Amino acid sequence: MADSAAGCIFCRIVAGTLPAPVVFEDDSSLAFLDHRPVFPGHTLLVPKHHFETLSDLPAALIQPFFSATQLLARAVEAALAADGTFVAINNRVSQSVPHLHVHIVPRRKKDGLHGFFWPRQPYKTPEEMEAIRKTVTDSVLRLRAGG
C-alpha cells in the first residue's frame, strides 16, 4: 500500500495489521464484513489506497471500484438469499471512517429498514426547483470542462 493516512482503520485493514473478515480482494480494492452490520452480511468495500471521499477517487479507479461494487452486490444477494441490496456511500457527513467505502447491505421485503431516515424537504416553489436544477447543471458543465 503506497499511500495511507496515519491511523486510518481501513488502511490498517488493507495493510493486514488489523484483522477483518475479508470477503473479496483485487488489485485496487478490499471488501470485508462490517463489524456493526445493519443486517448480517453487511459488507464494506474500500479502495486499497487512502482516498477520503468518492470525489477523491482517481478516474482510473472508478471503473474497477464500481465493477467490484456490482460484483459484491450480486454476491451478497445470492449468498444470503436476499431480495435485494442497499448500496450507499457517505461523503464526509455520516462517514464514520474518513476513507472512501461502499456499504453493501442485504435487504429483504419487510426487513424493517425504511429507506432514508431524514425528513424530506420539498421545494417551496417550482421556480426554486428550476433555479437549483440550473445551478447544478451549470456546475456539471463547468466540471466537465475542467473548471
Protein backbone atom coordinates (compact mmCIF):
# COMPACT_ATOMS: atom_id res chain seq x y z
CA MET A 1 0.00 0.00 0.00
CA ALA A 2 1.79 3.09 -1.28
CA ASP A 3 -0.22 5.81 0.42
CA SER A 4 -2.24 5.66 3.59
CA ALA A 5 -3.48 8.01 6.24
CA ALA A 6 -1.73 7.53 9.55
CA GLY A 7 -4.10 5.84 11.96
CA CYS A 8 -6.81 5.09 9.39
CA ILE A 9 -8.60 1.92 10.45
CA PHE A 10 -9.35 0.90 6.87
CA CYS A 11 -5.72 1.45 5.80
CA ARG A 12 -4.67 -0.82 8.68
CA ILE A 13 -7.13 -3.49 7.50
CA VAL A 14 -5.78 -3.21 3.93
CA ALA A 15 -2.20 -3.48 5.24
CA GLY A 16 -3.11 -6.57 7.26
CA THR A 17 -2.15 -5.03 10.60
CA LEU A 18 -5.76 -5.04 11.79
CA PRO A 19 -7.70 -8.26 11.22
CA ALA A 20 -11.03 -8.16 9.42
CA PRO A 21 -13.37 -10.78 7.89
CA VAL A 22 -12.32 -10.28 4.26
CA VAL A 23 -14.76 -11.44 1.57
CA PHE A 24 -13.10 -10.03 -1.58
CA GLU A 25 -9.82 -8.59 -2.79
CA ASP A 26 -8.49 -7.45 -6.15
CA ASP A 27 -5.59 -5.24 -7.21
CA SER A 28 -7.21 -1.99 -6.12
CA SER A 29 -9.85 -2.81 -3.51
CA LEU A 30 -10.70 -4.92 -0.49
CA ALA A 31 -14.08 -5.90 0.97
CA PHE A 32 -14.87 -7.14 4.46
CA LEU A 33 -17.85 -7.61 6.72
CA ASP A 34 -18.87 -4.57 8.76
CA HIS A 35 -18.25 -5.14 12.47
CA ARG A 36 -21.57 -3.41 13.29
CA PRO A 37 -23.83 -4.62 10.49
CA VAL A 38 -27.26 -3.24 9.70
CA PHE A 39 -28.05 -6.87 8.81
CA PRO A 40 -25.76 -9.92 8.73
CA GLY A 41 -23.75 -9.85 5.52
CA HIS A 42 -23.37 -6.03 5.54
CA THR A 43 -20.14 -5.61 3.58
CA LEU A 44 -17.77 -2.66 3.19
CA LEU A 45 -15.72 -2.19 0.02
CA VAL A 46 -12.70 0.13 0.26
CA PRO A 47 -10.02 1.20 -2.20
CA LYS A 48 -6.61 -0.10 -1.09
CA HIS A 49 -5.12 3.38 -1.29
CA HIS A 50 -6.39 6.09 1.01
CA PHE A 51 -8.98 8.35 -0.58
CA GLU A 52 -11.31 10.16 1.78
CA THR A 53 -14.33 10.58 -0.50
CA LEU A 54 -15.72 9.48 -3.85
CA SER A 55 -14.61 12.84 -5.27
CA ASP A 56 -11.01 11.97 -4.38
CA LEU A 57 -11.03 8.61 -6.22
CA PRO A 58 -8.90 8.90 -9.39
CA ALA A 59 -10.76 8.44 -12.68
CA ALA A 60 -8.70 5.33 -13.49
CA LEU A 61 -10.06 3.58 -10.38
CA ILE A 62 -13.74 4.40 -10.85
CA GLN A 63 -14.50 1.54 -13.26
CA PRO A 64 -12.72 -1.20 -11.29
CA PHE A 65 -14.12 0.09 -7.98
CA PHE A 66 -17.72 0.12 -9.20
CA SER A 67 -17.29 -3.21 -11.01
CA ALA A 68 -16.26 -4.64 -7.63
CA THR A 69 -19.28 -2.93 -6.04
CA GLN A 70 -21.59 -4.53 -8.61
CA LEU A 71 -19.99 -7.95 -8.11
CA LEU A 72 -20.34 -7.71 -4.34
CA ALA A 73 -23.97 -6.57 -4.53
CA ARG A 74 -24.73 -9.65 -6.62
CA ALA A 75 -22.67 -11.92 -4.37
CA VAL A 76 -24.20 -10.70 -1.10
CA GLU A 77 -27.70 -11.02 -2.52
CA ALA A 78 -27.06 -14.56 -3.82
CA ALA A 79 -25.12 -15.77 -0.78
CA LEU A 80 -27.77 -14.65 1.68
CA ALA A 81 -30.84 -15.35 -0.48
CA ALA A 82 -31.68 -11.65 -0.07
CA ASP A 83 -34.42 -9.94 -2.06
CA GLY A 84 -32.00 -7.14 -2.94
CA THR A 85 -29.29 -4.88 -1.55
CA PHE A 86 -28.89 -1.34 -0.31
CA VAL A 87 -25.70 0.20 -1.74
CA ALA A 88 -24.56 3.50 -0.28
CA ILE A 89 -21.62 5.89 0.12
CA ASN A 90 -21.34 8.70 2.64
CA ASN A 91 -19.02 11.60 1.80
CA ARG A 92 -17.84 13.29 4.99
CA VAL A 93 -21.27 13.71 6.62
CA SER A 94 -22.12 10.44 8.42
CA GLN A 95 -18.83 8.94 7.23
CA SER A 96 -17.65 7.18 10.39
CA VAL A 97 -14.21 6.41 8.90
CA PRO A 98 -12.71 9.10 6.65
CA HIS A 99 -11.71 6.58 3.96
CA LEU A 100 -13.96 6.02 0.95
CA HIS A 101 -16.14 2.96 1.46
CA VAL A 102 -19.26 1.49 -0.07
CA HIS A 103 -21.87 -0.16 2.15
CA ILE A 104 -23.46 -3.23 0.58
CA VAL A 105 -26.35 -4.32 2.80
CA PRO A 106 -28.55 -7.33 2.11
CA ARG A 107 -32.26 -6.46 2.09
CA ARG A 108 -35.46 -8.44 2.44
CA LYS A 109 -39.00 -7.29 1.98
CA LYS A 110 -40.43 -6.12 5.30
CA ASP A 111 -36.98 -6.19 6.98
CA GLY A 112 -37.81 -3.06 8.95
CA LEU A 113 -35.37 -0.75 7.19
CA HIS A 114 -37.34 2.18 5.84
CA GLY A 115 -35.17 3.99 3.30
CA PHE A 116 -33.57 7.18 4.43
CA PHE A 117 -34.06 8.33 7.99
CA TRP A 118 -34.13 12.09 7.49
CA PRO A 119 -37.13 14.32 6.86
CA ARG A 120 -37.85 15.30 3.29
CA GLN A 121 -37.93 18.98 2.46
CA PRO A 122 -39.89 19.73 -0.72
CA TYR A 123 -39.09 22.71 -2.89
CA LYS A 124 -41.07 25.79 -1.89
CA THR A 125 -41.96 26.63 -5.49
CA PRO A 126 -41.39 25.29 -8.99
CA GLU A 127 -39.16 28.32 -9.55
CA GLU A 128 -36.93 27.32 -6.63
CA MET A 129 -36.58 23.81 -8.09
CA GLU A 130 -35.73 25.24 -11.52
CA ALA A 131 -33.12 27.60 -10.05
CA ILE A 132 -31.43 24.72 -8.22
CA ARG A 133 -31.65 22.50 -11.31
CA LYS A 134 -29.92 25.21 -13.33
CA THR A 135 -27.24 25.74 -10.68
CA VAL A 136 -26.42 22.02 -10.53
CA THR A 137 -26.46 21.70 -14.35
CA ASP A 138 -24.11 24.66 -14.68
CA SER A 139 -21.79 23.12 -12.09
CA VAL A 140 -21.73 19.82 -14.02
CA LEU A 141 -20.87 21.69 -17.23
CA ARG A 142 -18.04 23.60 -15.52
CA LEU A 143 -16.60 20.42 -14.01
CA ARG A 144 -16.80 18.52 -17.31
CA ALA A 145 -15.00 21.43 -19.00
CA GLY A 146 -12.21 21.15 -16.44
CA GLY A 147 -13.10 24.18 -14.40
